[in-house]
Every structure is written in C-alpha cells, then in structure tokens.
Amino acid sequence: MIFHPLGLAGAFRITPQLMTDERGAFARRFCADTFRARGLEADLVQRSISFNARAGTLRGLHFQAPPHLETKIVRCARGAIFDVIVDLRDSSPTYGQWHGEELTADNRLMLYIPKGFAHGFQSLEDNTEVDYEITPAYVPDAGAGFRFDDPILAIDWPVANIIISERDRALPPSFAGIRL
C-alpha cells in the first residue's frame, strides 16, 4: 500500500500495490501492522456497504458526535463516486477545509479519513457500491451532519441531478460552529 498525504492533516489516499501475473492481480487493502506503524487507527470494528441505484445519489455530509468520532477507510467496489471529506477538528490547521476526489472500482483508490471529519459522496454511475471500514461501531443517537450544499464550503458536486434523502435535506445548512 502506498500512502499519499492529502491537503487535510491526517487524511490519506491509499493506493494498493498490485502484484500481477497471468491470473490477474492481488493486493493488500488493509494491514493493521502497516497502519499502526504510520500512527493510524487500525482497530476497525465495523464494515458497511452502501448501494446506490442511480447516478447523482448524494449521501452526506455525516459524522458521529463525540465521544463516538469515527475513523473510516472508504473505497468504491463497483461503479464510481466523488468522495468528500471536511475537517471539523477544532485544533486542526485545516479546520473548515474540504477535499474531494473520484474513487472508482477501476482505480481501486481508498481514502483514510481520521476522526473529526465529516464525510459524504455522490455516485457518478448507476449501481455503485461503496465499502466502509469504520471504528467505532455506528451509534445512531450520535449521528450528525450538515447539508451538502453548505454555501461556505461551496463543494462542486459533479452530477447536477442530485438525489438526496429527506433526512439529509433536513440537516443544518452549514458546518459553521461545528467543532469536534
């Protein structure tokens, strides 16, 4: 695995190192020892899947409130997404900044998202599936978020025809004042 630091402190793009032969390819996508050696969370206790039937489906921007802050590793297992993270850590030099990039089944990229970030994504293709590895386990009462169209962040979501849940549409309009 190759770890590429992102512009947001503590977040990484992870590129699996493929070993190929006549059969195809093999790569590690997680190794607790490798993550711990880099000072990253390695006790991922929950694995989740998000299936998105139509391109334009937008989920987020979500986080868990303290003391249930989440670390996530996100990858796209089928299709393609535009994945977005927002730094909400009060003491971070990149507080209030966001990063977005395309994760696809073909590029096999993953994002390591440390505690204190909001996360969301938009599917770029029909029938897109996203895998998450998370710690700690999800606590429904700790779930929180803010709207995808926060005017302060001005995230440029790539698909104009946005499909969003009523729950996400009802989130607070901005991250302003959220400090984790």
N, C-alpha and C. Protein backbone atom coordinates (compact mmCIF):
# COMPACT_ATOMS: atom_id res chain seq x y z
N MET A 1 0.84 -1.17 0.00
CA MET A 1 0.00 0.00 0.00
C MET A 1 0.89 1.24 0.00
N ILE A 2 0.49 2.20 -0.80
CA ILE A 2 1.21 3.46 -0.85
C ILE A 2 0.29 4.52 -0.25
N PHE A 3 0.78 5.24 0.76
CA PHE A 3 0.00 6.26 1.46
C PHE A 3 0.40 7.63 0.92
N HIS A 4 -0.58 8.37 0.38
CA HIS A 4 -0.36 9.71 -0.15
C HIS A 4 -1.06 10.71 0.77
N PRO A 5 -0.32 11.55 1.50
CA PRO A 5 -0.98 12.54 2.35
C PRO A 5 -1.83 13.50 1.51
N LEU A 6 -3.01 13.80 2.00
CA LEU A 6 -3.87 14.78 1.34
C LEU A 6 -3.58 16.16 1.92
N GLY A 7 -4.22 17.16 1.40
CA GLY A 7 -4.04 18.51 1.90
C GLY A 7 -4.65 18.74 3.26
N LEU A 8 -5.41 17.79 3.77
CA LEU A 8 -6.03 17.89 5.09
C LEU A 8 -5.26 17.02 6.06
N ALA A 9 -4.80 17.62 7.13
CA ALA A 9 -3.92 16.95 8.09
C ALA A 9 -4.50 15.61 8.55
N GLY A 10 -3.70 14.54 8.41
CA GLY A 10 -4.06 13.23 8.89
C GLY A 10 -4.86 12.37 7.93
N ALA A 11 -5.29 12.92 6.80
CA ALA A 11 -6.07 12.16 5.81
C ALA A 11 -5.13 11.69 4.70
N PHE A 12 -5.43 10.50 4.16
CA PHE A 12 -4.57 9.89 3.15
C PHE A 12 -5.38 9.27 2.02
N ARG A 13 -4.81 9.31 0.83
CA ARG A 13 -5.24 8.46 -0.27
C ARG A 13 -4.35 7.24 -0.21
N ILE A 14 -4.93 6.07 -0.33
CA ILE A 14 -4.18 4.82 -0.28
C ILE A 14 -4.30 4.14 -1.64
N THR A 15 -3.14 3.84 -2.21
CA THR A 15 -3.10 3.11 -3.48
C THR A 15 -2.62 1.70 -3.21
N PRO A 16 -3.44 0.69 -3.50
CA PRO A 16 -2.96 -0.68 -3.34
C PRO A 16 -1.85 -0.97 -4.35
N GLN A 17 -0.86 -1.73 -3.93
CA GLN A 17 0.22 -2.15 -4.82
C GLN A 17 -0.15 -3.51 -5.40
N LEU A 18 -0.52 -3.51 -6.66
CA LEU A 18 -0.97 -4.74 -7.31
C LEU A 18 0.22 -5.62 -7.69
N MET A 19 0.11 -6.88 -7.37
CA MET A 19 1.04 -7.89 -7.86
C MET A 19 0.29 -8.65 -8.95
N THR A 20 0.79 -8.60 -10.16
CA THR A 20 0.06 -9.18 -11.28
C THR A 20 0.82 -10.36 -11.88
N ASP A 21 0.06 -11.26 -12.44
CA ASP A 21 0.60 -12.37 -13.22
C ASP A 21 -0.47 -12.80 -14.21
N GLU A 22 -0.30 -13.92 -14.85
CA GLU A 22 -1.23 -14.37 -15.88
C GLU A 22 -2.65 -14.60 -15.34
N ARG A 23 -2.82 -14.75 -14.04
CA ARG A 23 -4.13 -14.98 -13.45
C ARG A 23 -4.91 -13.69 -13.22
N GLY A 24 -4.18 -12.59 -13.06
CA GLY A 24 -4.81 -11.32 -12.73
C GLY A 24 -3.95 -10.56 -11.75
N ALA A 25 -4.53 -10.15 -10.63
CA ALA A 25 -3.80 -9.31 -9.68
C ALA A 25 -4.22 -9.63 -8.25
N PHE A 26 -3.34 -9.25 -7.32
CA PHE A 26 -3.58 -9.40 -5.89
C PHE A 26 -2.97 -8.19 -5.20
N ALA A 27 -3.65 -7.69 -4.17
CA ALA A 27 -3.11 -6.58 -3.39
C ALA A 27 -3.70 -6.60 -1.98
N ARG A 28 -2.93 -6.12 -1.02
CA ARG A 28 -3.47 -5.89 0.32
C ARG A 28 -4.22 -4.57 0.28
N ARG A 29 -5.36 -4.53 0.95
CA ARG A 29 -6.05 -3.24 1.08
C ARG A 29 -6.11 -2.79 2.52
N PHE A 30 -5.65 -3.66 3.42
CA PHE A 30 -5.54 -3.27 4.82
C PHE A 30 -4.57 -4.21 5.51
N CYS A 31 -3.75 -3.64 6.39
CA CYS A 31 -2.86 -4.42 7.25
C CYS A 31 -2.72 -3.62 8.54
N ALA A 32 -3.21 -4.18 9.64
CA ALA A 32 -3.19 -3.46 10.92
C ALA A 32 -1.77 -3.03 11.29
N ASP A 33 -0.78 -3.88 11.09
CA ASP A 33 0.60 -3.53 11.44
C ASP A 33 1.09 -2.34 10.63
N THR A 34 0.77 -2.31 9.34
CA THR A 34 1.18 -1.19 8.48
C THR A 34 0.53 0.10 8.93
N PHE A 35 -0.76 0.04 9.26
CA PHE A 35 -1.47 1.24 9.72
C PHE A 35 -0.90 1.72 11.06
N ARG A 36 -0.71 0.81 11.99
CA ARG A 36 -0.17 1.20 13.30
C ARG A 36 1.23 1.80 13.17
N ALA A 37 2.05 1.26 12.29
CA ALA A 37 3.41 1.78 12.09
C ALA A 37 3.38 3.23 11.60
N ARG A 38 2.30 3.64 10.95
CA ARG A 38 2.15 5.01 10.48
C ARG A 38 1.40 5.89 11.49
N GLY A 39 1.04 5.31 12.64
CA GLY A 39 0.31 6.05 13.64
C GLY A 39 -1.17 6.20 13.32
N LEU A 40 -1.69 5.33 12.45
CA LEU A 40 -3.09 5.41 12.03
C LEU A 40 -3.93 4.38 12.78
N GLU A 41 -5.20 4.68 12.90
CA GLU A 41 -6.16 3.78 13.54
C GLU A 41 -6.17 2.44 12.81
N ALA A 42 -6.10 1.36 13.56
CA ALA A 42 -6.06 0.03 12.94
C ALA A 42 -7.10 -0.92 13.51
N ASP A 43 -7.87 -0.47 14.49
CA ASP A 43 -8.86 -1.35 15.11
C ASP A 43 -10.24 -1.07 14.51
N LEU A 44 -10.38 -1.37 13.24
CA LEU A 44 -11.63 -1.13 12.52
C LEU A 44 -12.61 -2.25 12.86
N VAL A 45 -13.74 -1.87 13.47
CA VAL A 45 -14.63 -2.87 14.05
C VAL A 45 -15.93 -3.08 13.27
N GLN A 46 -16.18 -2.23 12.29
CA GLN A 46 -17.43 -2.36 11.54
C GLN A 46 -17.14 -2.21 10.05
N ARG A 47 -17.80 -3.03 9.25
CA ARG A 47 -17.70 -2.94 7.81
C ARG A 47 -19.11 -2.75 7.27
N SER A 48 -19.26 -1.77 6.39
CA SER A 48 -20.58 -1.44 5.86
C SER A 48 -20.52 -1.29 4.34
N ILE A 49 -21.68 -1.45 3.71
CA ILE A 49 -21.81 -1.30 2.27
C ILE A 49 -22.93 -0.30 1.99
N SER A 50 -22.70 0.57 1.02
CA SER A 50 -23.74 1.48 0.55
C SER A 50 -23.97 1.18 -0.92
N PHE A 51 -25.19 0.78 -1.27
CA PHE A 51 -25.55 0.56 -2.67
C PHE A 51 -26.35 1.75 -3.14
N ASN A 52 -26.03 2.26 -4.32
CA ASN A 52 -26.66 3.46 -4.87
C ASN A 52 -27.14 3.15 -6.27
N ALA A 53 -28.45 3.03 -6.44
CA ALA A 53 -29.02 2.57 -7.70
C ALA A 53 -28.82 3.55 -8.85
N ARG A 54 -28.81 4.85 -8.53
CA ARG A 54 -28.76 5.84 -9.63
C ARG A 54 -27.62 6.82 -9.45
N ALA A 55 -27.03 7.19 -10.58
CA ALA A 55 -26.01 8.24 -10.60
C ALA A 55 -26.64 9.53 -10.06
N GLY A 56 -25.85 10.27 -9.30
CA GLY A 56 -26.35 11.51 -8.70
C GLY A 56 -26.77 11.35 -7.25
N THR A 57 -26.87 10.10 -6.77
CA THR A 57 -27.23 9.87 -5.37
C THR A 57 -26.17 10.48 -4.48
N LEU A 58 -26.60 11.31 -3.55
CA LEU A 58 -25.67 12.01 -2.66
C LEU A 58 -25.99 11.62 -1.22
N ARG A 59 -24.95 11.19 -0.52
CA ARG A 59 -25.08 10.82 0.89
C ARG A 59 -24.11 11.68 1.69
N GLY A 60 -24.64 12.43 2.66
CA GLY A 60 -23.76 13.24 3.48
C GLY A 60 -24.22 14.68 3.51
N LEU A 61 -23.53 15.40 4.26
CA LEU A 61 -22.22 15.19 4.89
C LEU A 61 -22.46 14.76 6.34
N HIS A 62 -21.91 13.61 6.72
CA HIS A 62 -22.20 12.98 8.01
C HIS A 62 -20.95 12.84 8.87
N PHE A 63 -21.20 12.77 10.19
CA PHE A 63 -20.17 12.44 11.17
C PHE A 63 -20.88 11.94 12.42
N GLN A 64 -20.12 11.37 13.34
CA GLN A 64 -20.67 11.00 14.64
C GLN A 64 -20.13 11.99 15.67
N ALA A 65 -21.02 12.44 16.53
CA ALA A 65 -20.66 13.41 17.57
C ALA A 65 -19.82 12.74 18.66
N PRO A 66 -18.99 13.53 19.35
CA PRO A 66 -18.20 12.98 20.46
C PRO A 66 -19.13 12.37 21.50
N PRO A 67 -18.72 11.33 22.14
CA PRO A 67 -17.39 10.69 22.12
C PRO A 67 -17.28 9.56 21.09
N HIS A 68 -18.13 9.57 20.08
CA HIS A 68 -18.20 8.46 19.11
C HIS A 68 -17.59 8.81 17.75
N LEU A 69 -16.60 9.69 17.73
CA LEU A 69 -15.97 10.09 16.47
C LEU A 69 -15.46 8.87 15.72
N GLU A 70 -15.62 8.89 14.39
CA GLU A 70 -15.28 7.74 13.56
C GLU A 70 -14.00 7.96 12.75
N THR A 71 -13.25 6.89 12.60
CA THR A 71 -12.22 6.78 11.58
C THR A 71 -12.81 5.88 10.51
N LYS A 72 -12.57 6.22 9.23
CA LYS A 72 -13.12 5.42 8.13
C LYS A 72 -12.04 5.16 7.08
N ILE A 73 -12.15 4.01 6.46
CA ILE A 73 -11.46 3.75 5.20
C ILE A 73 -12.57 3.50 4.19
N VAL A 74 -12.58 4.26 3.11
CA VAL A 74 -13.65 4.20 2.13
C VAL A 74 -13.07 3.82 0.77
N ARG A 75 -13.77 2.91 0.08
CA ARG A 75 -13.38 2.56 -1.29
C ARG A 75 -14.63 2.28 -2.09
N CYS A 76 -14.53 2.40 -3.38
CA CYS A 76 -15.64 2.11 -4.28
C CYS A 76 -15.43 0.72 -4.87
N ALA A 77 -16.32 -0.20 -4.56
CA ALA A 77 -16.19 -1.58 -5.01
C ALA A 77 -16.80 -1.81 -6.40
N ARG A 78 -17.80 -0.98 -6.75
CA ARG A 78 -18.42 -1.08 -8.07
C ARG A 78 -18.88 0.31 -8.48
N GLY A 79 -18.61 0.69 -9.72
CA GLY A 79 -19.03 1.99 -10.22
C GLY A 79 -18.02 3.07 -9.88
N ALA A 80 -18.53 4.26 -9.52
CA ALA A 80 -17.66 5.40 -9.26
C ALA A 80 -18.37 6.40 -8.35
N ILE A 81 -17.59 7.06 -7.50
CA ILE A 81 -18.12 8.11 -6.63
C ILE A 81 -17.19 9.31 -6.62
N PHE A 82 -17.75 10.46 -6.28
CA PHE A 82 -16.97 11.65 -5.91
C PHE A 82 -17.07 11.70 -4.40
N ASP A 83 -15.95 11.43 -3.71
CA ASP A 83 -15.92 11.32 -2.26
C ASP A 83 -15.41 12.63 -1.67
N VAL A 84 -16.06 13.10 -0.60
CA VAL A 84 -15.72 14.39 0.01
C VAL A 84 -15.53 14.22 1.51
N ILE A 85 -14.47 14.84 2.03
CA ILE A 85 -14.25 14.90 3.47
C ILE A 85 -14.07 16.36 3.87
N VAL A 86 -14.53 16.69 5.08
CA VAL A 86 -14.44 18.05 5.61
C VAL A 86 -13.84 17.97 7.00
N ASP A 87 -12.76 18.71 7.23
CA ASP A 87 -12.07 18.71 8.52
C ASP A 87 -12.86 19.57 9.51
N LEU A 88 -13.34 18.92 10.59
CA LEU A 88 -14.10 19.62 11.63
C LEU A 88 -13.36 19.67 12.96
N ARG A 89 -12.08 19.31 12.95
CA ARG A 89 -11.30 19.26 14.19
C ARG A 89 -10.90 20.67 14.61
N ASP A 90 -11.35 21.04 15.79
CA ASP A 90 -11.14 22.38 16.30
C ASP A 90 -9.66 22.78 16.31
N SER A 91 -8.78 21.87 16.65
CA SER A 91 -7.37 22.20 16.78
C SER A 91 -6.58 22.00 15.48
N SER A 92 -7.24 21.66 14.40
CA SER A 92 -6.54 21.34 13.15
C SER A 92 -6.19 22.60 12.36
N PRO A 93 -5.01 22.62 11.76
CA PRO A 93 -4.66 23.75 10.88
C PRO A 93 -5.49 23.77 9.59
N THR A 94 -6.19 22.65 9.29
CA THR A 94 -7.01 22.61 8.08
C THR A 94 -8.51 22.58 8.42
N TYR A 95 -8.86 23.06 9.64
CA TYR A 95 -10.27 23.13 10.03
C TYR A 95 -11.07 23.89 8.96
N GLY A 96 -12.23 23.33 8.62
CA GLY A 96 -13.14 24.00 7.69
C GLY A 96 -12.77 23.83 6.22
N GLN A 97 -11.75 23.05 5.93
CA GLN A 97 -11.37 22.80 4.54
C GLN A 97 -11.90 21.44 4.10
N TRP A 98 -12.10 21.30 2.80
CA TRP A 98 -12.61 20.04 2.27
C TRP A 98 -11.71 19.52 1.17
N HIS A 99 -11.83 18.22 0.96
CA HIS A 99 -11.10 17.55 -0.11
C HIS A 99 -12.07 16.61 -0.80
N GLY A 100 -12.03 16.58 -2.12
CA GLY A 100 -12.87 15.66 -2.87
C GLY A 100 -12.08 15.00 -3.97
N GLU A 101 -12.37 13.73 -4.20
CA GLU A 101 -11.74 13.04 -5.32
C GLU A 101 -12.56 11.85 -5.75
N GLU A 102 -12.28 11.41 -6.97
CA GLU A 102 -13.01 10.30 -7.55
C GLU A 102 -12.40 8.98 -7.11
N LEU A 103 -13.25 8.13 -6.56
CA LEU A 103 -12.89 6.76 -6.23
C LEU A 103 -13.71 5.86 -7.15
N THR A 104 -13.05 4.92 -7.81
CA THR A 104 -13.75 4.04 -8.73
C THR A 104 -13.33 2.59 -8.50
N ALA A 105 -14.15 1.69 -8.99
CA ALA A 105 -13.78 0.28 -8.94
C ALA A 105 -12.51 0.06 -9.75
N ASP A 106 -12.34 0.80 -10.83
CA ASP A 106 -11.16 0.63 -11.69
C ASP A 106 -9.88 1.20 -11.09
N ASN A 107 -9.95 2.39 -10.45
CA ASN A 107 -8.71 2.97 -9.92
C ASN A 107 -8.32 2.39 -8.56
N ARG A 108 -9.25 1.71 -7.89
CA ARG A 108 -9.02 0.99 -6.63
C ARG A 108 -8.48 1.88 -5.50
N LEU A 109 -8.58 3.19 -5.63
CA LEU A 109 -8.09 4.09 -4.59
C LEU A 109 -8.98 4.00 -3.36
N MET A 110 -8.39 4.28 -2.20
CA MET A 110 -9.12 4.31 -0.93
C MET A 110 -8.79 5.62 -0.23
N LEU A 111 -9.69 6.08 0.62
CA LEU A 111 -9.41 7.24 1.47
C LEU A 111 -9.39 6.79 2.91
N TYR A 112 -8.36 7.24 3.63
CA TYR A 112 -8.29 7.08 5.08
C TYR A 112 -8.77 8.40 5.67
N ILE A 113 -9.85 8.34 6.44
CA ILE A 113 -10.49 9.53 7.00
C ILE A 113 -10.38 9.46 8.51
N PRO A 114 -9.55 10.32 9.11
CA PRO A 114 -9.39 10.25 10.57
C PRO A 114 -10.60 10.80 11.32
N LYS A 115 -10.60 10.54 12.62
CA LYS A 115 -11.65 11.06 13.49
C LYS A 115 -11.71 12.58 13.36
N GLY A 116 -12.93 13.11 13.42
CA GLY A 116 -13.11 14.55 13.39
C GLY A 116 -13.42 15.11 12.01
N PHE A 117 -13.73 14.25 11.05
CA PHE A 117 -14.08 14.68 9.71
C PHE A 117 -15.54 14.34 9.43
N ALA A 118 -16.19 15.20 8.63
CA ALA A 118 -17.47 14.84 8.03
C ALA A 118 -17.16 14.15 6.71
N HIS A 119 -18.07 13.29 6.29
CA HIS A 119 -17.86 12.52 5.06
C HIS A 119 -19.15 12.45 4.26
N GLY A 120 -19.00 12.50 2.95
CA GLY A 120 -20.12 12.31 2.05
C GLY A 120 -19.62 11.92 0.68
N PHE A 121 -20.53 11.48 -0.15
CA PHE A 121 -20.15 11.16 -1.53
C PHE A 121 -21.36 11.26 -2.44
N GLN A 122 -21.05 11.36 -3.74
CA GLN A 122 -22.08 11.34 -4.77
C GLN A 122 -21.73 10.25 -5.77
N SER A 123 -22.71 9.39 -6.08
CA SER A 123 -22.45 8.34 -7.07
C SER A 123 -22.38 8.96 -8.47
N LEU A 124 -21.42 8.49 -9.24
CA LEU A 124 -21.22 9.01 -10.60
C LEU A 124 -21.77 8.06 -11.66
N GLU A 125 -22.12 6.84 -11.25
CA GLU A 125 -22.67 5.84 -12.15
C GLU A 125 -23.83 5.14 -11.46
N ASP A 126 -24.73 4.61 -12.26
CA ASP A 126 -25.79 3.75 -11.71
C ASP A 126 -25.15 2.52 -11.08
N ASN A 127 -25.84 1.94 -10.10
CA ASN A 127 -25.44 0.68 -9.46
C ASN A 127 -24.03 0.75 -8.86
N THR A 128 -23.78 1.80 -8.13
CA THR A 128 -22.49 2.00 -7.48
C THR A 128 -22.55 1.45 -6.05
N GLU A 129 -21.47 0.78 -5.66
CA GLU A 129 -21.39 0.20 -4.32
C GLU A 129 -20.12 0.71 -3.63
N VAL A 130 -20.30 1.15 -2.38
CA VAL A 130 -19.20 1.73 -1.60
C VAL A 130 -18.99 0.87 -0.36
N ASP A 131 -17.73 0.55 -0.08
CA ASP A 131 -17.36 -0.21 1.13
C ASP A 131 -16.74 0.74 2.14
N TYR A 132 -17.12 0.57 3.40
CA TYR A 132 -16.56 1.33 4.51
C TYR A 132 -15.98 0.36 5.53
N GLU A 133 -14.87 0.74 6.10
CA GLU A 133 -14.36 0.10 7.32
C GLU A 133 -14.32 1.22 8.35
N ILE A 134 -14.90 0.97 9.53
CA ILE A 134 -15.16 2.06 10.46
C ILE A 134 -14.80 1.64 11.88
N THR A 135 -14.37 2.60 12.66
CA THR A 135 -14.27 2.44 14.10
C THR A 135 -14.63 3.78 14.75
N PRO A 136 -15.37 3.77 15.80
CA PRO A 136 -16.05 2.67 16.46
C PRO A 136 -17.30 2.29 15.69
N ALA A 137 -18.05 1.30 16.21
CA ALA A 137 -19.31 0.92 15.60
C ALA A 137 -20.28 2.10 15.63
N TYR A 138 -21.14 2.17 14.63
CA TYR A 138 -22.10 3.26 14.49
C TYR A 138 -23.03 3.33 15.70
N VAL A 139 -23.25 4.53 16.19
CA VAL A 139 -24.17 4.80 17.30
C VAL A 139 -25.25 5.73 16.75
N PRO A 140 -26.47 5.23 16.50
CA PRO A 140 -27.49 6.05 15.84
C PRO A 140 -27.74 7.40 16.50
N ASP A 141 -27.76 7.46 17.84
CA ASP A 141 -28.03 8.72 18.52
C ASP A 141 -26.89 9.73 18.39
N ALA A 142 -25.72 9.27 17.96
CA ALA A 142 -24.57 10.17 17.79
C ALA A 142 -24.45 10.68 16.36
N GLY A 143 -25.30 10.17 15.47
CA GLY A 143 -25.24 10.58 14.07
C GLY A 143 -25.59 12.05 13.91
N ALA A 144 -24.78 12.76 13.12
CA ALA A 144 -24.99 14.19 12.89
C ALA A 144 -24.49 14.53 11.49
N GLY A 145 -24.70 15.77 11.11
CA GLY A 145 -24.22 16.19 9.80
C GLY A 145 -24.66 17.61 9.48
N PHE A 146 -24.39 18.00 8.26
CA PHE A 146 -24.82 19.29 7.74
C PHE A 146 -25.03 19.13 6.24
N ARG A 147 -25.68 20.10 5.64
CA ARG A 147 -26.11 19.97 4.24
C ARG A 147 -24.94 19.93 3.26
N PHE A 148 -25.17 19.17 2.21
CA PHE A 148 -24.20 19.00 1.13
C PHE A 148 -23.93 20.30 0.38
N ASP A 149 -24.87 21.23 0.42
CA ASP A 149 -24.75 22.49 -0.33
C ASP A 149 -24.41 23.67 0.58
N ASP A 150 -23.65 23.41 1.63
CA ASP A 150 -23.19 24.45 2.54
C ASP A 150 -22.54 25.57 1.71
N PRO A 151 -23.07 26.80 1.79
CA PRO A 151 -22.52 27.88 0.95
C PRO A 151 -21.10 28.29 1.33
N ILE A 152 -20.70 28.05 2.57
CA ILE A 152 -19.33 28.38 2.97
C ILE A 152 -18.34 27.45 2.28
N LEU A 153 -18.64 26.17 2.22
CA LEU A 153 -17.75 25.20 1.59
C LEU A 153 -17.81 25.28 0.07
N ALA A 154 -18.99 25.51 -0.48
CA ALA A 154 -19.19 25.60 -1.93
C ALA A 154 -18.58 24.41 -2.67
N ILE A 155 -18.93 23.21 -2.22
CA ILE A 155 -18.44 21.99 -2.87
C ILE A 155 -19.07 21.88 -4.25
N ASP A 156 -18.25 21.60 -5.24
CA ASP A 156 -18.69 21.48 -6.62
C ASP A 156 -19.00 20.01 -6.91
N TRP A 157 -20.22 19.58 -6.56
CA TRP A 157 -20.63 18.20 -6.80
C TRP A 157 -20.75 17.98 -8.30
N PRO A 158 -20.22 16.90 -8.83
CA PRO A 158 -20.11 16.75 -10.28
C PRO A 158 -21.41 16.44 -11.02
N VAL A 159 -22.40 15.81 -10.38
CA VAL A 159 -23.65 15.46 -11.06
C VAL A 159 -24.72 16.45 -10.61
N ALA A 160 -25.26 17.20 -11.57
CA ALA A 160 -26.23 18.25 -11.24
C ALA A 160 -27.55 17.71 -10.74
N ASN A 161 -27.99 16.57 -11.25
CA ASN A 161 -29.26 15.97 -10.85
C ASN A 161 -29.06 15.19 -9.56
N ILE A 162 -29.18 15.88 -8.42
CA ILE A 162 -28.88 15.30 -7.11
C ILE A 162 -30.10 14.55 -6.56
N ILE A 163 -29.84 13.32 -6.12
CA ILE A 163 -30.84 12.50 -5.44
C ILE A 163 -30.41 12.43 -3.99
N ILE A 164 -31.27 12.91 -3.09
CA ILE A 164 -30.89 13.01 -1.68
C ILE A 164 -32.07 12.63 -0.79
N SER A 165 -31.78 12.05 0.35
CA SER A 165 -32.83 11.65 1.28
C SER A 165 -33.43 12.88 1.97
N GLU A 166 -34.64 12.72 2.46
CA GLU A 166 -35.27 13.80 3.24
C GLU A 166 -34.46 14.08 4.51
N ARG A 167 -33.91 13.03 5.10
CA ARG A 167 -33.08 13.20 6.30
C ARG A 167 -31.89 14.12 6.01
N ASP A 168 -31.19 13.87 4.90
CA ASP A 168 -30.04 14.71 4.55
C ASP A 168 -30.47 16.11 4.14
N ARG A 169 -31.62 16.23 3.50
CA ARG A 169 -32.13 17.55 3.10
C ARG A 169 -32.47 18.39 4.34
N ALA A 170 -32.82 17.74 5.46
CA ALA A 170 -33.22 18.44 6.68
C ALA A 170 -32.03 18.75 7.61
N LEU A 171 -30.82 18.38 7.23
CA LEU A 171 -29.66 18.67 8.07
C LEU A 171 -29.43 20.17 8.18
N PRO A 172 -28.70 20.61 9.21
CA PRO A 172 -28.38 22.05 9.32
C PRO A 172 -27.70 22.55 8.05
N PRO A 173 -27.91 23.83 7.70
CA PRO A 173 -27.42 24.35 6.42
C PRO A 173 -25.92 24.50 6.31
N SER A 174 -25.18 24.48 7.44
CA SER A 174 -23.76 24.76 7.36
C SER A 174 -22.99 24.06 8.48
N PHE A 175 -21.71 23.87 8.25
CA PHE A 175 -20.83 23.33 9.28
C PHE A 175 -20.42 24.40 10.28
N ALA A 176 -20.70 25.68 9.98
CA ALA A 176 -20.27 26.79 10.84
C ALA A 176 -20.69 26.52 12.28
N GLY A 177 -19.73 26.59 13.17
CA GLY A 177 -19.97 26.37 14.59
C GLY A 177 -19.75 24.93 15.04
N ILE A 178 -19.59 24.00 14.08
CA ILE A 178 -19.31 22.60 14.45
C ILE A 178 -17.80 22.45 14.64
N ARG A 179 -17.43 22.08 15.83
CA ARG A 179 -16.01 21.88 16.14
C ARG A 179 -15.90 20.61 16.96
N LEU A 180 -15.13 19.68 16.45
CA LEU A 180 -15.01 18.38 17.11
C LEU A 180 -13.65 18.25 17.79
